[in-house]
Amino acid sequence: MPGCGKSTVSLILGKKLNAQVADTDAIIVSKHGDISKIFASHGEEYFRTLETEAVKYAEFDNFFGYFLG
C-alpha cells in the first residue's frame, strides 16, 4: 500500500517504544537506486525481491524495530 503512511507511523512508534526503525525503502535506494526506476526497469516482482532482501539485511545488521515497505 504505497503512500499510506507506514514510514511515518513506524517512526512515531519507534520513538514512543524507544526502538530502532529500519526503512526498507531507504535500504533499497541506498543499494539499488531510485524505486520508481526499479519498477520501470524491472517490475514489481523484482522490487518485492529486493524488499525481502532489505528485511534480511536489516535483521542481520541487528536492527530491531519496525520494517517498512
N, C-alpha and C. Protein backbone atom coordinates (compact mmCIF):
# COMPACT_ATOMS: atom_id res chain seq x y z
N MET A 1 0.83 -1.18 0.00
CA MET A 1 0.00 0.00 0.00
C MET A 1 0.88 1.25 0.00
N PRO A 2 1.32 1.67 -1.14
CA PRO A 2 2.18 2.84 -1.22
C PRO A 2 1.46 4.11 -0.75
N GLY A 3 2.20 4.92 -0.04
CA GLY A 3 1.69 6.24 0.33
C GLY A 3 0.66 6.26 1.45
N CYS A 4 0.56 5.17 2.22
CA CYS A 4 -0.47 5.14 3.27
C CYS A 4 0.06 5.56 4.63
N GLY A 5 1.36 5.89 4.73
CA GLY A 5 1.90 6.40 5.99
C GLY A 5 2.66 5.39 6.82
N LYS A 6 3.07 4.28 6.24
CA LYS A 6 3.80 3.26 7.00
C LYS A 6 5.07 3.82 7.62
N SER A 7 5.81 4.59 6.85
CA SER A 7 7.07 5.15 7.36
C SER A 7 6.81 6.11 8.50
N THR A 8 5.84 6.97 8.34
CA THR A 8 5.51 7.95 9.37
C THR A 8 5.08 7.26 10.66
N VAL A 9 4.17 6.31 10.54
CA VAL A 9 3.67 5.60 11.73
C VAL A 9 4.80 4.83 12.41
N SER A 10 5.64 4.17 11.62
CA SER A 10 6.74 3.40 12.21
C SER A 10 7.72 4.29 12.95
N LEU A 11 8.02 5.45 12.39
CA LEU A 11 8.93 6.39 13.07
C LEU A 11 8.34 6.86 14.40
N ILE A 12 7.05 7.15 14.41
CA ILE A 12 6.38 7.58 15.64
C ILE A 12 6.41 6.46 16.68
N LEU A 13 6.06 5.23 16.25
CA LEU A 13 6.09 4.10 17.17
C LEU A 13 7.50 3.82 17.68
N GLY A 14 8.47 3.91 16.79
CA GLY A 14 9.86 3.70 17.19
C GLY A 14 10.28 4.66 18.29
N LYS A 15 9.89 5.92 18.15
CA LYS A 15 10.22 6.91 19.19
C LYS A 15 9.51 6.60 20.49
N LYS A 16 8.22 6.28 20.41
CA LYS A 16 7.44 6.01 21.63
C LYS A 16 7.94 4.76 22.34
N LEU A 17 8.37 3.76 21.58
CA LEU A 17 8.82 2.50 22.16
C LEU A 17 10.33 2.42 22.33
N ASN A 18 11.01 3.50 21.98
CA ASN A 18 12.47 3.55 22.06
C ASN A 18 13.10 2.38 21.29
N ALA A 19 12.60 2.18 20.06
CA ALA A 19 13.08 1.09 19.22
C ALA A 19 13.68 1.64 17.94
N GLN A 20 14.64 0.92 17.39
CA GLN A 20 15.20 1.30 16.10
C GLN A 20 14.20 1.01 14.99
N VAL A 21 14.24 1.80 13.97
CA VAL A 21 13.37 1.61 12.81
C VAL A 21 14.24 1.44 11.58
N ALA A 22 14.00 0.36 10.85
CA ALA A 22 14.73 0.13 9.60
C ALA A 22 13.76 0.36 8.45
N ASP A 23 14.06 1.32 7.61
CA ASP A 23 13.20 1.66 6.48
C ASP A 23 13.68 0.87 5.26
N THR A 24 12.92 -0.14 4.87
CA THR A 24 13.36 -0.99 3.76
C THR A 24 13.49 -0.21 2.46
N ASP A 25 12.63 0.78 2.25
CA ASP A 25 12.77 1.60 1.04
C ASP A 25 14.11 2.32 1.02
N ALA A 26 14.53 2.85 2.16
CA ALA A 26 15.82 3.55 2.23
C ALA A 26 16.97 2.59 1.97
N ILE A 27 16.86 1.38 2.49
CA ILE A 27 17.90 0.37 2.25
C ILE A 27 17.97 0.05 0.76
N ILE A 28 16.82 -0.13 0.12
CA ILE A 28 16.78 -0.43 -1.31
C ILE A 28 17.38 0.71 -2.11
N VAL A 29 17.00 1.93 -1.82
CA VAL A 29 17.52 3.09 -2.55
C VAL A 29 19.03 3.18 -2.39
N SER A 30 19.54 2.95 -1.18
CA SER A 30 20.99 3.06 -0.96
C SER A 30 21.77 2.01 -1.73
N LYS A 31 21.15 0.85 -1.97
CA LYS A 31 21.86 -0.24 -2.64
C LYS A 31 21.57 -0.33 -4.14
N HIS A 32 20.36 0.12 -4.56
CA HIS A 32 19.93 -0.13 -5.94
C HIS A 32 19.45 1.10 -6.70
N GLY A 33 19.31 2.22 -6.01
CA GLY A 33 18.85 3.43 -6.68
C GLY A 33 17.36 3.68 -6.54
N ASP A 34 16.89 4.61 -7.29
CA ASP A 34 15.52 5.11 -7.23
C ASP A 34 14.47 4.00 -7.42
N ILE A 35 13.49 3.95 -6.52
CA ILE A 35 12.48 2.90 -6.56
C ILE A 35 11.62 2.99 -7.82
N SER A 36 11.25 4.17 -8.23
CA SER A 36 10.41 4.29 -9.44
C SER A 36 11.15 3.77 -10.67
N LYS A 37 12.46 3.95 -10.70
CA LYS A 37 13.25 3.41 -11.81
C LYS A 37 13.35 1.89 -11.75
N ILE A 38 13.42 1.35 -10.54
CA ILE A 38 13.43 -0.11 -10.38
C ILE A 38 12.13 -0.69 -10.92
N PHE A 39 11.00 -0.08 -10.53
CA PHE A 39 9.70 -0.55 -11.04
C PHE A 39 9.64 -0.44 -12.56
N ALA A 40 10.09 0.68 -13.09
CA ALA A 40 10.01 0.89 -14.54
C ALA A 40 10.89 -0.09 -15.31
N SER A 41 12.07 -0.36 -14.78
CA SER A 41 13.03 -1.23 -15.48
C SER A 41 12.79 -2.72 -15.26
N HIS A 42 12.38 -3.07 -14.04
CA HIS A 42 12.35 -4.49 -13.67
C HIS A 42 11.00 -5.00 -13.20
N GLY A 43 10.07 -4.11 -12.86
CA GLY A 43 8.74 -4.53 -12.43
C GLY A 43 8.61 -4.75 -10.93
N GLU A 44 7.36 -4.97 -10.53
CA GLU A 44 7.04 -5.11 -9.10
C GLU A 44 7.63 -6.37 -8.48
N GLU A 45 7.61 -7.48 -9.21
CA GLU A 45 8.11 -8.73 -8.64
C GLU A 45 9.58 -8.60 -8.24
N TYR A 46 10.38 -7.96 -9.09
CA TYR A 46 11.79 -7.74 -8.77
C TYR A 46 11.93 -6.83 -7.55
N PHE A 47 11.11 -5.76 -7.50
CA PHE A 47 11.15 -4.87 -6.35
C PHE A 47 10.83 -5.62 -5.07
N ARG A 48 9.82 -6.49 -5.10
CA ARG A 48 9.45 -7.25 -3.90
C ARG A 48 10.59 -8.18 -3.47
N THR A 49 11.35 -8.70 -4.42
CA THR A 49 12.53 -9.50 -4.08
C THR A 49 13.56 -8.63 -3.36
N LEU A 50 13.78 -7.43 -3.86
CA LEU A 50 14.71 -6.50 -3.20
C LEU A 50 14.22 -6.13 -1.81
N GLU A 51 12.92 -5.98 -1.67
CA GLU A 51 12.33 -5.64 -0.38
C GLU A 51 12.58 -6.77 0.63
N THR A 52 12.41 -8.00 0.19
CA THR A 52 12.68 -9.16 1.05
C THR A 52 14.15 -9.18 1.46
N GLU A 53 15.04 -8.92 0.51
CA GLU A 53 16.47 -8.86 0.82
C GLU A 53 16.78 -7.74 1.81
N ALA A 54 16.09 -6.62 1.69
CA ALA A 54 16.31 -5.49 2.60
C ALA A 54 15.92 -5.85 4.02
N VAL A 55 14.84 -6.60 4.18
CA VAL A 55 14.43 -7.04 5.52
C VAL A 55 15.48 -7.99 6.09
N LYS A 56 15.98 -8.90 5.29
CA LYS A 56 17.03 -9.82 5.75
C LYS A 56 18.29 -9.05 6.13
N TYR A 57 18.65 -8.06 5.32
CA TYR A 57 19.82 -7.21 5.60
C TYR A 57 19.64 -6.51 6.94
N ALA A 58 18.47 -5.96 7.17
CA ALA A 58 18.21 -5.24 8.42
C ALA A 58 18.27 -6.21 9.61
N GLU A 59 17.75 -7.41 9.44
CA GLU A 59 17.80 -8.40 10.52
C GLU A 59 19.23 -8.77 10.86
N PHE A 60 20.05 -9.01 9.84
CA PHE A 60 21.44 -9.40 10.07
C PHE A 60 22.28 -8.26 10.63
N ASP A 61 21.87 -7.03 10.38
CA ASP A 61 22.60 -5.89 10.92
C ASP A 61 22.06 -5.45 12.27
N ASN A 62 21.31 -6.32 12.92
CA ASN A 62 20.81 -6.08 14.27
C ASN A 62 19.90 -4.88 14.41
N PHE A 63 19.09 -4.62 13.41
CA PHE A 63 18.04 -3.63 13.56
C PHE A 63 16.89 -4.33 14.27
N PHE A 64 16.42 -3.74 15.33
CA PHE A 64 15.24 -4.28 15.99
C PHE A 64 14.21 -3.18 15.98
N GLY A 65 13.07 -3.44 15.42
CA GLY A 65 12.05 -2.42 15.32
C GLY A 65 11.04 -2.78 14.27
N TYR A 66 10.63 -1.81 13.55
CA TYR A 66 9.56 -1.97 12.56
C TYR A 66 10.14 -1.84 11.17
N PHE A 67 9.87 -2.82 10.34
CA PHE A 67 10.38 -2.80 8.99
C PHE A 67 9.32 -2.21 8.07
N LEU A 68 9.72 -1.29 7.27
CA LEU A 68 8.79 -0.55 6.44
C LEU A 68 8.91 -0.97 4.99
N GLY A 69 7.83 -0.74 4.25
CA GLY A 69 7.86 -1.07 2.84
C GLY A 69 7.85 0.15 1.97
